[in-house]
PDB file of N, CA and C in Angstrom:
ATOM      1  N   MET A   1     123.251  69.911 119.768  1.00  0.00           N
ATOM      2  CA  MET A   1     123.421  70.503 118.285  1.00  0.00           C
ATOM      3  C   MET A   1     122.837  72.006 118.420  1.00  0.00           C
ATOM      4  N   GLY A   2     123.958  72.854 117.618  1.00  0.00           N
ATOM      5  CA  GLY A   2     123.795  74.287 117.723  1.00  0.00           C
ATOM      6  C   GLY A   2     122.556  74.770 116.571  1.00  0.00           C
ATOM      7  N   ILE A   3     122.148  75.632 116.842  1.00  0.00           N
ATOM      8  CA  ILE A   3     120.952  76.516 115.980  1.00  0.00           C
ATOM      9  C   ILE A   3     121.464  76.278 114.612  1.00  0.00           C
ATOM     10  N   PHE A   4     122.914  76.746 114.295  1.00  0.00           N
ATOM     11  CA  PHE A   4     123.139  76.755 112.768  1.00  0.00           C
ATOM     12  C   PHE A   4     123.033  75.072 112.316  1.00  0.00           C
ATOM     13  N   SER A   5     123.521  74.370 112.938  1.00  0.00           N
ATOM     14  CA  SER A   5     123.464  72.735 112.655  1.00  0.00           C
ATOM     15  C   SER A   5     121.922  72.587 112.298  1.00  0.00           C
ATOM     16  N   LYS A   6     120.957  73.051 113.227  1.00  0.00           N
ATOM     17  CA  LYS A   6     119.698  72.409 113.252  1.00  0.00           C
ATOM     18  C   LYS A   6     119.187  73.050 111.936  1.00  0.00           C
ATOM     19  N   ARG A   7     119.148  74.308 111.848  1.00  0.00           N
ATOM     20  CA  ARG A   7     118.644  75.131 110.576  1.00  0.00           C
ATOM     21  C   ARG A   7     119.027  74.820 109.464  1.00  0.00           C
ATOM     22  N   LEU A   8     120.661  74.454 109.315  1.00  0.00           N
ATOM     23  CA  LEU A   8     121.032  73.768 108.047  1.00  0.00           C
ATOM     24  C   LEU A   8     120.150  72.631 107.668  1.00  0.00           C
ATOM     25  N   ARG A   9     120.178  71.574 108.563  1.00  0.00           N
ATOM     26  CA  ARG A   9     119.607  70.492 108.355  1.00  0.00           C
ATOM     27  C   ARG A   9     117.998  70.603 108.015  1.00  0.00           C
ATOM     28  N   GLU A  10     117.468  71.390 108.395  1.00  0.00           N
ATOM     29  CA  GLU A  10     116.018  71.623 108.175  1.00  0.00           C
ATOM     30  C   GLU A  10     116.158  72.250 107.041  1.00  0.00           C
ATOM     31  N   LEU A  11     116.814  73.194 106.500  1.00  0.00           N
ATOM     32  CA  LEU A  11     116.632  73.710 105.285  1.00  0.00           C
ATOM     33  C   LEU A  11     116.960  72.678 104.250  1.00  0.00           C
ATOM     34  N   ARG A  12     117.914  71.843 104.332  1.00  0.00           N
ATOM     35  CA  ARG A  12     118.355  70.778 103.451  1.00  0.00           C
ATOM     36  C   ARG A  12     117.221  69.824 103.147  1.00  0.00           C
ATOM     37  N   GLU A  13     116.604  69.377 104.396  1.00  0.00           N
ATOM     38  CA  GLU A  13     115.624  68.135 104.278  1.00  0.00           C
ATOM     39  C   GLU A  13     114.302  68.871 103.503  1.00  0.00           C
ATOM     40  N   GLU A  14     114.075  70.130 104.018  1.00  0.00           N
ATOM     41  CA  GLU A  14     112.739  70.904 103.402  1.00  0.00           C
ATOM     42  C   GLU A  14     113.010  70.795 101.784  1.00  0.00           C
ATOM     43  N   ALA A  15     114.158  71.104 101.250  1.00  0.00           N
ATOM     44  CA  ALA A  15     114.622  71.109  99.943  1.00  0.00           C
ATOM     45  C   ALA A  15     114.482  69.756  99.321  1.00  0.00           C
ATOM     46  N   GLY A  16     114.448  68.875 100.266  1.00  0.00           N
ATOM     47  CA  GLY A  16     114.563  67.423  99.566  1.00  0.00           C
ATOM     48  C   GLY A  16     115.852  66.806  98.990  1.00  0.00           C
ATOM     49  N   LEU A  17     116.822  67.473  99.675  1.00  0.00           N
ATOM     50  CA  LEU A  17     118.217  67.075  99.042  1.00  0.00           C
ATOM     51  C   LEU A  17     118.886  66.296 100.297  1.00  0.00           C
ATOM     52  N   SER A  18     119.686  65.505  99.730  1.00  0.00           N
ATOM     53  CA  SER A  18     120.761  64.873 100.522  1.00  0.00           C
ATOM     54  C   SER A  18     121.827  65.638 101.053  1.00  0.00           C
ATOM     55  N   GLN A  19     122.737  65.019 101.783  1.00  0.00           N
ATOM     56  CA  GLN A  19     123.979  65.797 102.033  1.00  0.00           C
ATOM     57  C   GLN A  19     124.950  65.837 100.566  1.00  0.00           C
ATOM     58  N   LYS A  20     124.810  64.644  99.653  1.00  0.00           N
ATOM     59  CA  LYS A  20     125.587  64.687  98.683  1.00  0.00           C
ATOM     60  C   LYS A  20     124.877  65.661  97.620  1.00  0.00           C
ATOM     61  N   LYS A  21     123.561  65.636  97.253  1.00  0.00           N
ATOM     62  CA  LYS A  21     122.972  66.415  96.381  1.00  0.00           C
ATOM     63  C   LYS A  21     123.286  67.839  96.486  1.00  0.00           C
ATOM     64  N   LEU A  22     123.091  68.358  98.131  1.00  0.00           N
ATOM     65  CA  LEU A  22     123.448  69.841  98.356  1.00  0.00           C
ATOM     66  C   LEU A  22     124.978  70.165  98.061  1.00  0.00           C
ATOM     67  N   SER A  23     126.013  69.166  98.477  1.00  0.00           N
ATOM     68  CA  SER A  23     127.417  69.313  97.896  1.00  0.00           C
ATOM     69  C   SER A  23     127.554  69.380  96.433  1.00  0.00           C
ATOM     70  N   GLU A  24     126.759  68.677  95.609  1.00  0.00           N
ATOM     71  CA  GLU A  24     126.743  68.919  94.135  1.00  0.00           C
ATOM     72  C   GLU A  24     126.298  70.463  93.570  1.00  0.00           C
ATOM     73  N   LYS A  25     125.514  70.904  94.607  1.00  0.00           N
ATOM     74  CA  LYS A  25     124.941  72.203  94.207  1.00  0.00           C
ATOM     75  C   LYS A  25     125.586  73.220  94.825  1.00  0.00           C
ATOM     76  N   THR A  26     126.584  73.116  95.758  1.00  0.00           N
ATOM     77  CA  THR A  26     127.263  74.218  96.434  1.00  0.00           C
ATOM     78  C   THR A  26     128.694  73.679  96.262  1.00  0.00           C
ATOM     79  N   SER A  27     129.875  74.482  96.907  1.00  0.00           N
ATOM     80  CA  SER A  27     131.036  74.306  96.962  1.00  0.00           C
ATOM     81  C   SER A  27     131.639  73.645  98.220  1.00  0.00           C
ATOM     82  N   VAL A  28     130.603  73.141  98.769  1.00  0.00           N
ATOM     83  CA  VAL A  28     130.845  72.598 100.073  1.00  0.00           C
ATOM     84  C   VAL A  28     130.696  70.923  99.675  1.00  0.00           C
ATOM     85  N   SER A  29     131.882  70.208 100.406  1.00  0.00           N
ATOM     86  CA  SER A  29     131.826  68.616 100.392  1.00  0.00           C
ATOM     87  C   SER A  29     130.826  68.218 101.360  1.00  0.00           C
ATOM     88  N   ALA A  30     130.186  67.090 101.067  1.00  0.00           N
ATOM     89  CA  ALA A  30     129.305  66.400 101.672  1.00  0.00           C
ATOM     90  C   ALA A  30     129.695  65.883 103.009  1.00  0.00           C
ATOM     91  N   ALA A  31     131.031  65.516 103.053  1.00  0.00           N
ATOM     92  CA  ALA A  31     131.642  65.470 104.435  1.00  0.00           C
ATOM     93  C   ALA A  31     131.467  66.864 105.307  1.00  0.00           C
ATOM     94  N   SER A  32     131.743  67.616 104.902  1.00  0.00           N
ATOM     95  CA  SER A  32     131.729  69.141 105.512  1.00  0.00           C
ATOM     96  C   SER A  32     130.311  69.357 105.900  1.00  0.00           C
ATOM     97  N   ILE A  33     129.416  69.141 104.867  1.00  0.00           N
ATOM     98  CA  ILE A  33     127.787  69.494 105.196  1.00  0.00           C
ATOM     99  C   ILE A  33     127.302  68.500 106.592  1.00  0.00           C
ATOM    100  N   GLY A  34     128.012  67.214 106.367  1.00  0.00           N
ATOM    101  CA  GLY A  34     127.921  66.215 107.702  1.00  0.00           C
ATOM    102  C   GLY A  34     128.207  66.958 108.989  1.00  0.00           C
ATOM    103  N   TYR A  35     129.275  67.469 108.864  1.00  0.00           N
ATOM    104  CA  TYR A  35     130.096  68.073 110.026  1.00  0.00           C
ATOM    105  C   TYR A  35     129.363  69.325 110.581  1.00  0.00           C
ATOM    106  N   TYR A  36     128.768  70.115 109.874  1.00  0.00           N
ATOM    107  CA  TYR A  36     128.452  71.330 110.047  1.00  0.00           C
ATOM    108  C   TYR A  36     126.581  71.018 110.864  1.00  0.00           C
ATOM    109  N   GLU A  37     125.902  69.907 110.417  1.00  0.00           N
ATOM    110  CA  GLU A  37     124.851  69.429 110.627  1.00  0.00           C
ATOM    111  C   GLU A  37     124.801  68.820 111.960  1.00  0.00           C
ATOM    112  N   ASN A  38     125.940  68.169 112.296  1.00  0.00           N
ATOM    113  CA  ASN A  38     126.196  67.407 113.494  1.00  0.00           C
ATOM    114  C   ASN A  38     126.833  68.389 114.536  1.00  0.00           C
ATOM    115  N   GLY A  39     127.009  69.536 114.196  1.00  0.00           N
ATOM    116  CA  GLY A  39     127.607  70.611 115.318  1.00  0.00           C
ATOM    117  C   GLY A  39     129.324  70.009 115.483  1.00  0.00           C
ATOM    118  N   GLU A  40     129.758  69.427 114.361  1.00  0.00           N
ATOM    119  CA  GLU A  40     131.096  69.020 114.671  1.00  0.00           C
ATOM    120  C   GLU A  40     132.303  69.864 114.562  1.00  0.00           C
ATOM    121  N   ARG A  41     131.509  70.830 113.431  1.00  0.00           N
ATOM    122  CA  ARG A  41     132.293  72.198 113.040  1.00  0.00           C
ATOM    123  C   ARG A  41     131.482  73.079 112.480  1.00  0.00           C
ATOM    124  N   GLU A  42     132.094  74.489 112.804  1.00  0.00           N
ATOM    125  CA  GLU A  42     131.275  75.543 112.178  1.00  0.00           C
ATOM    126  C   GLU A  42     131.937  75.973 110.952  1.00  0.00           C
ATOM    127  N   PRO A  43     131.132  76.715 110.094  1.00  0.00           N
ATOM    128  CA  PRO A  43     131.570  77.002 108.788  1.00  0.00           C
ATOM    129  C   PRO A  43     132.045  78.375 108.866  1.00  0.00           C
ATOM    130  N   GLY A  44     132.944  78.715 108.084  1.00  0.00           N
ATOM    131  CA  GLY A  44     133.389  80.061 107.900  1.00  0.00           C
ATOM    132  C   GLY A  44     132.144  80.873 107.103  1.00  0.00           C
ATOM    133  N   LEU A  45     132.564  82.517 107.171  1.00  0.00           N
ATOM    134  CA  LEU A  45     131.391  83.109 106.745  1.00  0.00           C
ATOM    135  C   LEU A  45     131.348  82.932 105.309  1.00  0.00           C
ATOM    136  N   ASP A  46     132.338  82.553 104.446  1.00  0.00           N
ATOM    137  CA  ASP A  46     131.932  82.681 103.076  1.00  0.00           C
ATOM    138  C   ASP A  46     131.151  81.145 102.897  1.00  0.00           C
ATOM    139  N   ILE A  47     131.328  80.196 103.656  1.00  0.00           N
ATOM    140  CA  ILE A  47     130.416  78.962 103.435  1.00  0.00           C
ATOM    141  C   ILE A  47     128.896  79.341 104.025  1.00  0.00           C
ATOM    142  N   ALA A  48     128.908  79.989 105.112  1.00  0.00           N
ATOM    143  CA  ALA A  48     127.547  80.328 105.770  1.00  0.00           C
ATOM    144  C   ALA A  48     126.743  81.276 104.624  1.00  0.00           C
ATOM    145  N   MET A  49     127.645  82.189 104.026  1.00  0.00           N
ATOM    146  CA  MET A  49     126.831  82.991 102.997  1.00  0.00           C
ATOM    147  C   MET A  49     126.365  82.197 101.684  1.00  0.00           C
ATOM    148  N   GLU A  50     127.145  81.176 101.283  1.00  0.00           N
ATOM    149  CA  GLU A  50     126.820  80.549 100.170  1.00  0.00           C
ATOM    150  C   GLU A  50     125.615  79.522 100.826  1.00  0.00           C
ATOM    151  N   PHE A  51     125.276  79.122 101.966  1.00  0.00           N
ATOM    152  CA  PHE A  51     124.133  78.331 102.184  1.00  0.00           C
ATOM    153  C   PHE A  51     122.931  79.400 102.315  1.00  0.00           C
ATOM    154  N   ALA A  52     123.279  80.565 102.820  1.00  0.00           N
ATOM    155  CA  ALA A  52     122.013  81.451 103.114  1.00  0.00           C
ATOM    156  C   ALA A  52     121.720  81.910 101.664  1.00  0.00           C
ATOM    157  N   LYS A  53     122.566  82.198 100.686  1.00  0.00           N
ATOM    158  CA  LYS A  53     121.814  82.709  99.427  1.00  0.00           C
ATOM    159  C   LYS A  53     121.389  81.257  98.860  1.00  0.00           C
ATOM    160  N   PHE A  54     122.032  80.089  98.930  1.00  0.00           N
ATOM    161  CA  PHE A  54     121.168  78.914  98.175  1.00  0.00           C
ATOM    162  C   PHE A  54     119.967  78.648  98.448  1.00  0.00           C
ATOM    163  N   PHE A  55     119.944  78.693  99.977  1.00  0.00           N
ATOM    164  CA  PHE A  55     118.422  78.552 100.523  1.00  0.00           C
ATOM    165  C   PHE A  55     117.614  79.723 100.531  1.00  0.00           C
ATOM    166  N   GLY A  56     118.055  80.781 100.076  1.00  0.00           N
ATOM    167  CA  GLY A  56     117.270  82.205 100.137  1.00  0.00           C
ATOM    168  C   GLY A  56     116.669  82.566 101.560  1.00  0.00           C
ATOM    169  N   VAL A  57     117.862  82.489 102.807  1.00  0.00           N
ATOM    170  CA  VAL A  57     117.533  83.143 103.960  1.00  0.00           C
ATOM    171  C   VAL A  57     118.395  83.833 104.181  1.00  0.00           C
ATOM    172  N   THR A  58     118.485  84.660 105.448  1.00  0.00           N
ATOM    173  CA  THR A  58     119.508  85.379 105.859  1.00  0.00           C
ATOM    174  C   THR A  58     120.746  84.665 106.755  1.00  0.00           C
ATOM    175  N   LEU A  59     121.687  85.404 106.706  1.00  0.00           N
ATOM    176  CA  LEU A  59     122.781  84.738 107.791  1.00  0.00           C
ATOM    177  C   LEU A  59     122.151  84.921 109.130  1.00  0.00           C
ATOM    178  N   ASP A  60     121.408  85.918 109.335  1.00  0.00           N
ATOM    179  CA  ASP A  60     120.849  86.039 111.005  1.00  0.00           C
ATOM    180  C   ASP A  60     119.659  84.841 111.260  1.00  0.00           C
ATOM    181  N   TYR A  61     119.084  84.292 110.222  1.00  0.00           N
ATOM    182  CA  TYR A  61     118.317  83.232 110.328  1.00  0.00           C
ATOM    183  C   TYR A  61     119.230  81.947 110.911  1.00  0.00           C
ATOM    184  N   LEU A  62     120.232  81.704 110.045  1.00  0.00           N
ATOM    185  CA  LEU A  62     121.024  80.572 109.875  1.00  0.00           C
ATOM    186  C   LEU A  62     121.706  80.475 111.218  1.00  0.00           C
ATOM    187  N   ALA A  63     122.434  81.756 111.762  1.00  0.00           N
ATOM    188  CA  ALA A  63     123.110  81.961 112.854  1.00  0.00           C
ATOM    189  C   ALA A  63     122.016  81.816 114.187  1.00  0.00           C
ATOM    190  N   GLY A  64     120.767  82.110 114.145  1.00  0.00           N
ATOM    191  CA  GLY A  64     119.712  81.927 115.267  1.00  0.00           C
ATOM    192  C   GLY A  64     119.597  83.628 115.726  1.00  0.00           C
ATOM    193  N   LEU A  65     120.105  84.533 115.205  1.00  0.00           N
ATOM    194  CA  LEU A  65     119.667  85.798 115.626  1.00  0.00           C
ATOM    195  C   LEU A  65     118.256  86.209 115.349  1.00  0.00           C
ATOM    196  N   GLU A  66     117.766  85.781 114.201  1.00  0.00           N
ATOM    197  CA  GLU A  66     116.387  85.997 113.821  1.00  0.00           C
ATOM    198  C   GLU A  66     115.562  84.574 113.529  1.00  0.00           C
ATOM    199  N   ASP A  67     114.330  84.713 113.860  1.00  0.00           N
ATOM    200  CA  ASP A  67     113.477  83.634 113.417  1.00  0.00           C
ATOM    201  C   ASP A  67     112.782  83.679 112.132  1.00  0.00           C
ATOM    202  N   CYS A  68     112.838  84.896 111.350  1.00  0.00           N
ATOM    203  CA  CYS A  68     112.417  85.085 110.205  1.00  0.00           C
ATOM    204  C   CYS A  68     113.610  84.838 109.389  1.00  0.00           C
ATOM    205  N   ARG A  69     113.080  84.049 108.345  1.00  0.00           N
ATOM    206  CA  ARG A  69     114.005  83.485 107.244  1.00  0.00           C
ATOM    207  C   ARG A  69     114.320  84.338 106.169  1.00  0.00           C
ATOM    208  N   GLN A  70     113.501  85.554 105.750  1.00  0.00           N
ATOM    209  CA  GLN A  70     114.170  86.432 105.013  1.00  0.00           C
ATOM    210  C   GLN A  70     114.163  88.066 105.705  1.00  0.00           C
ATOM    211  N   ASN A  71     114.822  88.708 105.212  1.00  0.00           N
ATOM    212  CA  ASN A  71     114.750  90.194 105.667  1.00  0.00           C
ATOM    213  C   ASN A  71     113.208  90.724 105.619  1.00  0.00           C
ATOM    214  N   LYS A  72     112.941  91.265 107.008  1.00  0.00           N
ATOM    215  CA  LYS A  72     111.533  91.413 107.290  1.00  0.00           C
ATOM    216  C   LYS A  72     111.307  92.836 106.504  1.00  0.00           C
ATOM    217  N   ASP A  73     112.201  93.748 106.262  1.00  0.00           N
ATOM    218  CA  ASP A  73     111.843  94.910 105.246  1.00  0.00           C
ATOM    219  C   ASP A  73     111.476  94.185 104.035  1.00  0.00           C
ATOM    220  N   MET A  74     112.421  93.737 103.354  1.00  0.00           N
ATOM    221  CA  MET A  74     112.228  93.032 101.915  1.00  0.00           C
ATOM    222  C   MET A  74     111.204  92.183 101.755  1.00  0.00           C
ATOM    223  N   SER A  75     110.482  91.314 102.764  1.00  0.00           N
ATOM    224  CA  SER A  75     109.624  90.714 102.668  1.00  0.00           C
ATOM    225  C   SER A  75     108.216  91.592 102.494  1.00  0.00           C
ATOM    226  N   ALA A  76     108.253  92.425 103.596  1.00  0.00           N
ATOM    227  CA  ALA A  76     107.145  93.590 103.382  1.00  0.00           C
ATOM    228  C   ALA A  76     107.069  94.532 102.092  1.00  0.00           C
ATOM    229  N   GLN A  77     108.166  94.812 101.436  1.00  0.00           N
ATOM    230  CA  GLN A  77     107.962  95.340 100.389  1.00  0.00           C
ATOM    231  C   GLN A  77     107.543  94.453  99.338  1.00  0.00           C
ATOM    232  N   LEU A  78     108.058  93.160  99.108  1.00  0.00           N
ATOM    233  CA  LEU A  78     107.647  92.386  98.123  1.00  0.00           C
ATOM    234  C   LEU A  78     106.306  92.283  98.148  1.00  0.00           C
ATOM    235  N   LYS A  79     105.681  92.111  99.410  1.00  0.00           N
ATOM    236  CA  LYS A  79     104.370  91.803  99.333  1.00  0.00           C
ATOM    237  C   LYS A  79     103.632  93.172  98.906  1.00  0.00           C
ATOM    238  N   ILE A  80     104.066  94.397  99.291  1.00  0.00           N
ATOM    239  CA  ILE A  80     103.267  95.489  98.959  1.00  0.00           C
ATOM    240  C   ILE A  80     103.534  95.639  97.437  1.00  0.00           C
ATOM    241  N   ALA A  81     104.577  95.414  96.897  1.00  0.00           N
ATOM    242  CA  ALA A  81     104.811  95.458  95.421  1.00  0.00           C
ATOM    243  C   ALA A  81     103.837  94.325  94.513  1.00  0.00           C
ATOM    244  N   ALA A  82     104.040  93.186  95.141  1.00  0.00           N
ATOM    245  CA  ALA A  82     102.633  92.357  94.728  1.00  0.00           C
ATOM    246  C   ALA A  82     101.405  92.773  94.517  1.00  0.00           C
ATOM    247  N   GLU A  83     101.009  93.266  95.710  1.00  0.00           N
ATOM    248  CA  GLU A  83      99.550  93.835  95.830  1.00  0.00           C
ATOM    249  C   GLU A  83      99.414  94.915  94.729  1.00  0.00           C
ATOM    250  N   MET A  84     100.412  95.924  94.649  1.00  0.00           N
ATOM    251  CA  MET A  84     100.392  96.928  93.711  1.00  0.00           C
ATOM    252  C   MET A  84     100.196  96.614  92.553  1.00  0.00           C
ATOM    253  N   ARG A  85     100.873  95.652  92.168  1.00  0.00           N
ATOM    254  CA  ARG A  85     101.032  94.980  90.668  1.00  0.00           C
ATOM    255  C   ARG A  85      99.861  94.461  90.214  1.00  0.00           C
ATOM    256  N   GLY A  86      99.042  93.729  91.396  1.00  0.00           N
ATOM    257  CA  GLY A  86      97.585  93.437  90.975  1.00  0.00           C
ATOM    258  C   GLY A  86      96.868  94.347  90.725  1.00  0.00           C
ATOM    259  N   LEU A  87      96.868  95.375  91.393  1.00  0.00           N
ATOM    260  CA  LEU A  87      96.016  96.689  91.436  1.00  0.00           C
ATOM    261  C   LEU A  87      95.994  97.112  90.137  1.00  0.00           C
ATOM    262  N   LEU A  88      97.428  97.141  89.613  1.00  0.00           N
ATOM    263  CA  LEU A  88      97.824  97.958  88.557  1.00  0.00           C
ATOM    264  C   LEU A  88      97.368  97.084  86.951  1.00  0.00           C
ATOM    265  N   ARG A  89      97.665  95.887  86.973  1.00  0.00           N
ATOM    266  CA  ARG A  89      97.438  94.834  86.114  1.00  0.00           C
ATOM    267  C   ARG A  89      95.888  94.752  85.935  1.00  0.00           C
ATOM    268  N   ASP A  90      95.073  94.748  87.198  1.00  0.00           N
ATOM    269  CA  ASP A  90      93.681  94.709  87.040  1.00  0.00           C
ATOM    270  C   ASP A  90      93.035  96.125  86.435  1.00  0.00           C
ATOM    271  N   LYS A  91      93.940  97.259  86.418  1.00  0.00           N
ATOM    272  CA  LYS A  91      93.438  98.381  86.154  1.00  0.00           C
ATOM    273  C   LYS A  91      92.276  98.930  87.176  1.00  0.00           C
ATOM    274  N   ARG A  92      92.554  98.572  88.501  1.00  0.00           N
ATOM    275  CA  ARG A  92      91.354  99.013  89.641  1.00  0.00           C
ATOM    276  C   ARG A  92      91.777 100.426  90.023  1.00  0.00           C
ATOM    277  N   PRO A  93      91.067 101.346  90.351  1.00  0.00           N
ATOM    278  CA  PRO A  93      91.264 102.542  90.923  1.00  0.00           C
ATOM    279  C   PRO A  93      92.174 102.626  92.140  1.00  0.00           C
ATOM    280  N   ILE A  94      92.981 103.301  92.589  1.00  0.00           N
ATOM    281  CA  ILE A  94      93.939 103.405  93.616  1.00  0.00           C
ATOM    282  C   ILE A  94      93.004 104.296  94.351  1.00  0.00           C
ATOM    283  N   ILE A  95      92.548 103.905  95.581  1.00  0.00           N
ATOM    284  CA  ILE A  95      91.938 105.204  96.342  1.00  0.00           C
ATOM    285  C   ILE A  95      92.651 105.714  97.678  1.00  0.00           C
ATOM    286  N   GLY A  96      92.845 107.094  97.429  1.00  0.00           N
ATOM    287  CA  GLY A  96      93.868 107.800  98.333  1.00  0.00           C
ATOM    288  C   GLY A  96      93.006 108.882  99.045  1.00  0.00           C
ATOM    289  N   ALA A  97      93.159 109.183 100.257  1.00  0.00           N
ATOM    290  CA  ALA A  97      92.324 110.276 100.830  1.00  0.00           C
ATOM    291  C   ALA A  97      90.996 110.425 100.317  1.00  0.00           C
ATOM    292  N   GLY A  98      90.154 109.377  99.882  1.00  0.00           N
ATOM    293  CA  GLY A  98      88.682 109.420  99.518  1.00  0.00           C
ATOM    294  C   GLY A  98      88.653 109.682  98.091  1.00  0.00           C
ATOM    295  N   ASN A  99      89.764 109.888  97.220  1.00  0.00           N
ATOM    296  CA  ASN A  99      89.590 110.173  95.923  1.00  0.00           C
ATOM    297  C   ASN A  99      90.391 109.073  95.014  1.00  0.00           C
ATOM    298  N   ALA A 100      89.776 108.745  93.824  1.00  0.00           N
ATOM    299  CA  ALA A 100      90.443 107.738  93.167  1.00  0.00           C
ATOM    300  C   ALA A 100      91.370 108.437  92.267  1.00  0.00           C
ATOM    301  N   LEU A 101      92.396 107.601  91.980  1.00  0.00           N
ATOM    302  CA  LEU A 101      93.562 108.199  90.866  1.00  0.00           C
ATOM    303  C   LEU A 101      92.831 107.281  89.836  1.00  0.00           C
ATOM    304  N   ILE A 102      92.740 108.266  88.680  1.00  0.00           N
ATOM    305  CA  ILE A 102      92.469 107.882  87.368  1.00  0.00           C
ATOM    306  C   ILE A 102      93.658 108.210  86.362  1.00  0.00           C
ATOM    307  N   VAL A 103      94.254 107.149  85.711  1.00  0.00           N
ATOM    308  CA  VAL A 103      95.013 107.328  84.775  1.00  0.00           C
ATOM    309  C   VAL A 103      94.833 106.782  83.550  1.00  0.00           C
ATOM    310  N   SER A 104      95.427 107.002  82.354  1.00  0.00           N
ATOM    311  CA  SER A 104      95.315 106.223  81.181  1.00  0.00           C
ATOM    312  C   SER A 104      95.718 104.841  80.968  1.00  0.00           C
ATOM    313  N   GLU A 105      95.285 103.884  80.268  1.00  0.00           N
ATOM    314  CA  GLU A 105      95.818 102.549  80.317  1.00  0.00           C
ATOM    315  C   GLU A 105      97.264 102.631  79.975  1.00  0.00           C
ATOM    316  N   GLU A 106      97.536 103.333  79.172  1.00  0.00           N
ATOM    317  CA  GLU A 106      99.156 103.729  79.001  1.00  0.00           C
ATOM    318  C   GLU A 106      99.835 103.723  80.157  1.00  0.00           C
ATOM    319  N   LEU A 107      99.869 104.676  80.898  1.00  0.00           N
ATOM    320  CA  LEU A 107     100.255 105.034  82.149  1.00  0.00           C
ATOM    321  C   LEU A 107     100.071 103.751  83.174  1.00  0.00           C
ATOM    322  N   TRP A 108      98.908 102.902  83.104  1.00  0.00           N
ATOM    323  CA  TRP A 108      98.780 101.947  83.864  1.00  0.00           C
ATOM    324  C   TRP A 108      99.708 100.842  83.584  1.00  0.00           C
ATOM    325  N   LEU A 109      99.869 100.479  82.374  1.00  0.00           N
ATOM    326  CA  LEU A 109     100.970  99.567  81.941  1.00  0.00           C
ATOM    327  C   LEU A 109     102.274  99.860  82.189  1.00  0.00           C
ATOM    328  N   LYS A 110     102.685 101.092  81.881  1.00  0.00           N
ATOM    329  CA  LYS A 110     104.092 101.567  82.509  1.00  0.00           C
ATOM    330  C   LYS A 110     104.103 101.497  83.633  1.00  0.00           C
ATOM    331  N   ILE A 111     103.257 101.879  84.914  1.00  0.00           N
ATOM    332  CA  ILE A 111     103.822 101.767  86.107  1.00  0.00           C
ATOM    333  C   ILE A 111     103.627 100.378  86.385  1.00  0.00           C
ATOM    334  N   ALA A 112     102.892  99.531  85.974  1.00  0.00           N
ATOM    335  CA  ALA A 112     102.704  98.167  86.304  1.00  0.00           C
ATOM    336  C   ALA A 112     104.167  97.137  85.906  1.00  0.00           C
ATOM    337  N   ASP A 113     104.538  97.666  84.778  1.00  0.00           N
ATOM    338  CA  ASP A 113     105.868  97.128  84.114  1.00  0.00           C
ATOM    339  C   ASP A 113     107.071  97.553  85.062  1.00  0.00           C
ATOM    340  N   ALA A 114     106.985  98.775  85.492  1.00  0.00           N
ATOM    341  CA  ALA A 114     107.974  99.268  86.422  1.00  0.00           C
ATOM    342  C   ALA A 114     107.967  98.634  87.875  1.00  0.00           C
ATOM    343  N   VAL A 115     106.795  98.343  88.403  1.00  0.00           N
ATOM    344  CA  VAL A 115     106.972  97.746  89.716  1.00  0.00           C
ATOM    345  C   VAL A 115     107.099  96.142  89.549  1.00  0.00           C
ATOM    346  N   GLU A 116     106.795  95.523  88.222  1.00  0.00           N
ATOM    347  CA  GLU A 116     107.111  94.120  87.792  1.00  0.00           C
ATOM    348  C   GLU A 116     108.684  94.174  87.972  1.00  0.00           C
ATOM    349  N   GLY A 117     109.146  95.045  87.567  1.00  0.00           N
ATOM    350  CA  GLY A 117     110.711  95.277  87.197  1.00  0.00           C
ATOM    351  C   GLY A 117     111.372  95.171  88.526  1.00  0.00           C
ATOM    352  N   LYS A 118     111.100  96.023  89.269  1.00  0.00           N
ATOM    353  CA  LYS A 118     111.481  96.392  90.861  1.00  0.00           C
ATOM    354  C   LYS A 118     111.349  94.820  91.543  1.00  0.00           C
ATOM    355  N   CYS A 119     110.213  94.373  91.281  1.00  0.00           N
ATOM    356  CA  CYS A 119     109.898  92.803  92.225  1.00  0.00           C
ATOM    357  C   CYS A 119     110.985  91.752  91.598  1.00  0.00           C
ATOM    358  N   ALA A 120     111.412  91.958  90.381  1.00  0.00           N
ATOM    359  CA  ALA A 120     111.919  90.865  89.703  1.00  0.00           C
ATOM    360  C   ALA A 120     113.375  91.027  90.562  1.00  0.00           C
ATOM    361  N   LEU A 121     113.872  92.495  90.498  1.00  0.00           N
ATOM    362  CA  LEU A 121     115.323  92.683  91.132  1.00  0.00           C
ATOM    363  C   LEU A 121     115.220  92.073  92.456  1.00  0.00           C
ATOM    364  N   TRP A 122     114.346  92.547  93.397  1.00  0.00           N
ATOM    365  CA  TRP A 122     114.097  92.227  94.521  1.00  0.00           C
ATOM    366  C   TRP A 122     114.300  90.698  94.744  1.00  0.00           C
ATOM    367  N   GLN A 123     113.405  90.035  93.709  1.00  0.00           N
ATOM    368  CA  GLN A 123     113.412  88.228  93.935  1.00  0.00           C
ATOM    369  C   GLN A 123     114.734  87.769  93.462  1.00  0.00           C
ATOM    370  N   GLU A 124     115.364  88.239  92.639  1.00  0.00           N
ATOM    371  CA  GLU A 124     116.799  88.076  92.054  1.00  0.00           C
ATOM    372  C   GLU A 124     118.029  88.315  93.268  1.00  0.00           C
ATOM    373  N   LYS A 125     117.900  89.220  94.131  1.00  0.00           N
ATOM    374  CA  LYS A 125     118.584  89.399  94.925  1.00  0.00           C
ATOM    375  C   LYS A 125     118.467  88.372  96.337  1.00  0.00           C
ATOM    376  N   TRP A 126     117.332  88.024  96.497  1.00  0.00           N
ATOM    377  CA  TRP A 126     116.813  87.208  97.699  1.00  0.00           C
ATOM    378  C   TRP A 126     116.594  85.922  97.575  1.00  0.00           C
ATOM    379  N   ASN A 127     116.859  85.428  96.207  1.00  0.00           N
ATOM    380  CA  ASN A 127     116.535  84.070  96.124  1.00  0.00           C
ATOM    381  C   ASN A 127     117.898  83.514  95.447  1.00  0.00           C
TER     382      ASN A 127
END
């Protein structure tokens, strides 16, 4: 069994889906999913992309080129943005070079809204 076959099966099972249920949620027939999972066939790029998008992983992960399921840079950015959003929502001072940044409540909320909007765009793109 190839790496794509193994990872596709793992992702489907982790999602709690049968081959038939995955077929109903994608444009891929249950029979084709079975062939892919058994290593009897390889999907074309369009089908591989559909699986990657559906499961929220990269094509590199599905192909076995990477062990990280998501783009490393994007995962790090989402983590930083989430931490920043928490700081902003709690209105805690941000310390930089020994000085606290003090801003008005109105500015805190504008910054928090901007960060949350960007996070939503990133999550939409990668989910």
